[in-house]
Amino acid sequence: MQIATTASSRMIRQPGVRALGAFSGPRGLARFRRFIETTDWEKRYLCHRGIDRVCFGVLIAAAFYFVPVLAPRLLG
């Protein structure tokens, strides 16, 4: 038998706070800086063909979204 319990919004938000606590404070900033300086994160994440395609798709979608708004102002 399962018992349903209720939780306040404060209790629901706590796991997110704990997850972010890994890099909080002065020691956390030092750990984050060391991670950035010692790993090859830019080669692994920024130079990825799939990420490049997604970013290009977002740019094209943004262009289609803003053309109807900007075209009359630029042409008129």
Protein backbone atom coordinates (compact mmCIF):
# COMPACT_ATOMS: atom_id res chain seq x y z
CA MET A 1 0.00 0.00 0.00
CA GLN A 2 1.34 3.40 -0.94
CA ILE A 3 0.63 6.48 1.08
CA ALA A 4 0.37 9.78 -0.75
CA THR A 5 2.21 12.61 0.93
CA THR A 6 2.27 16.28 0.17
CA ALA A 7 5.34 18.44 0.05
CA SER A 8 5.65 22.16 0.19
CA SER A 9 7.20 24.04 -2.70
CA ARG A 10 10.19 24.73 -0.48
CA MET A 11 10.89 21.01 -0.14
CA ILE A 12 10.44 20.44 -3.86
CA ARG A 13 13.05 23.07 -4.74
CA GLN A 14 15.72 21.75 -2.38
CA PRO A 15 17.28 19.11 -4.70
CA GLY A 16 18.02 21.78 -7.30
CA VAL A 17 19.76 23.86 -4.67
CA ARG A 18 21.90 20.91 -3.65
CA ALA A 19 22.86 20.23 -7.25
CA LEU A 20 24.01 23.81 -7.69
CA GLY A 21 25.85 23.75 -4.37
CA ALA A 22 28.78 21.88 -5.93
CA PHE A 23 30.22 25.11 -7.38
CA SER A 24 28.98 27.61 -4.82
CA GLY A 25 31.29 29.70 -2.71
CA PRO A 26 34.96 30.55 -3.19
CA ARG A 27 36.09 26.92 -3.32
CA GLY A 28 33.42 26.15 -5.90
CA LEU A 29 34.61 28.97 -8.12
CA ALA A 30 38.16 27.66 -7.86
CA ARG A 31 36.96 24.16 -8.80
CA PHE A 32 35.01 25.56 -11.76
CA ARG A 33 38.02 27.59 -12.92
CA ARG A 34 40.25 24.51 -12.68
CA PHE A 35 37.70 22.51 -14.69
CA ILE A 36 37.67 25.15 -17.42
CA GLU A 37 41.46 25.44 -17.53
CA THR A 38 42.39 21.76 -17.38
CA THR A 39 39.78 20.04 -19.54
CA ASP A 40 39.19 20.08 -23.28
CA TRP A 41 35.58 21.19 -22.91
CA GLU A 42 35.68 23.53 -25.92
CA LYS A 43 36.84 20.77 -28.25
CA ARG A 44 34.34 18.31 -26.81
CA TYR A 45 31.28 20.55 -26.69
CA LEU A 46 31.78 23.59 -28.93
CA CYS A 47 33.39 21.88 -31.92
CA HIS A 48 30.68 19.30 -32.42
CA ARG A 49 28.89 18.95 -35.72
CA GLY A 50 25.49 18.26 -34.15
CA ILE A 51 25.68 21.34 -31.93
CA ASP A 52 26.68 23.44 -34.94
CA ARG A 53 23.63 22.23 -36.86
CA VAL A 54 21.28 22.95 -33.97
CA CYS A 55 22.67 26.48 -33.59
CA PHE A 56 22.33 27.10 -37.32
CA GLY A 57 18.73 25.88 -37.16
CA VAL A 58 18.00 28.25 -34.27
CA LEU A 59 19.45 31.15 -36.27
CA ILE A 60 17.31 30.31 -39.30
CA ALA A 61 14.19 29.99 -37.12
CA ALA A 62 14.94 33.36 -35.51
CA ALA A 63 15.36 34.94 -38.93
CA PHE A 64 11.98 33.60 -40.08
CA TYR A 65 10.42 34.83 -36.86
CA PHE A 66 11.76 38.40 -37.08
CA VAL A 67 11.57 39.02 -40.86
CA PRO A 68 7.84 39.91 -40.84
CA VAL A 69 8.45 42.43 -38.06
CA LEU A 70 11.66 44.00 -39.37
CA ALA A 71 11.02 44.00 -43.13
CA PRO A 72 8.30 46.71 -43.12
CA ARG A 73 10.44 48.93 -40.92
CA LEU A 74 13.53 48.51 -43.05
CA LEU A 75 11.71 48.94 -46.36
CA GLY A 76 9.37 51.72 -45.30
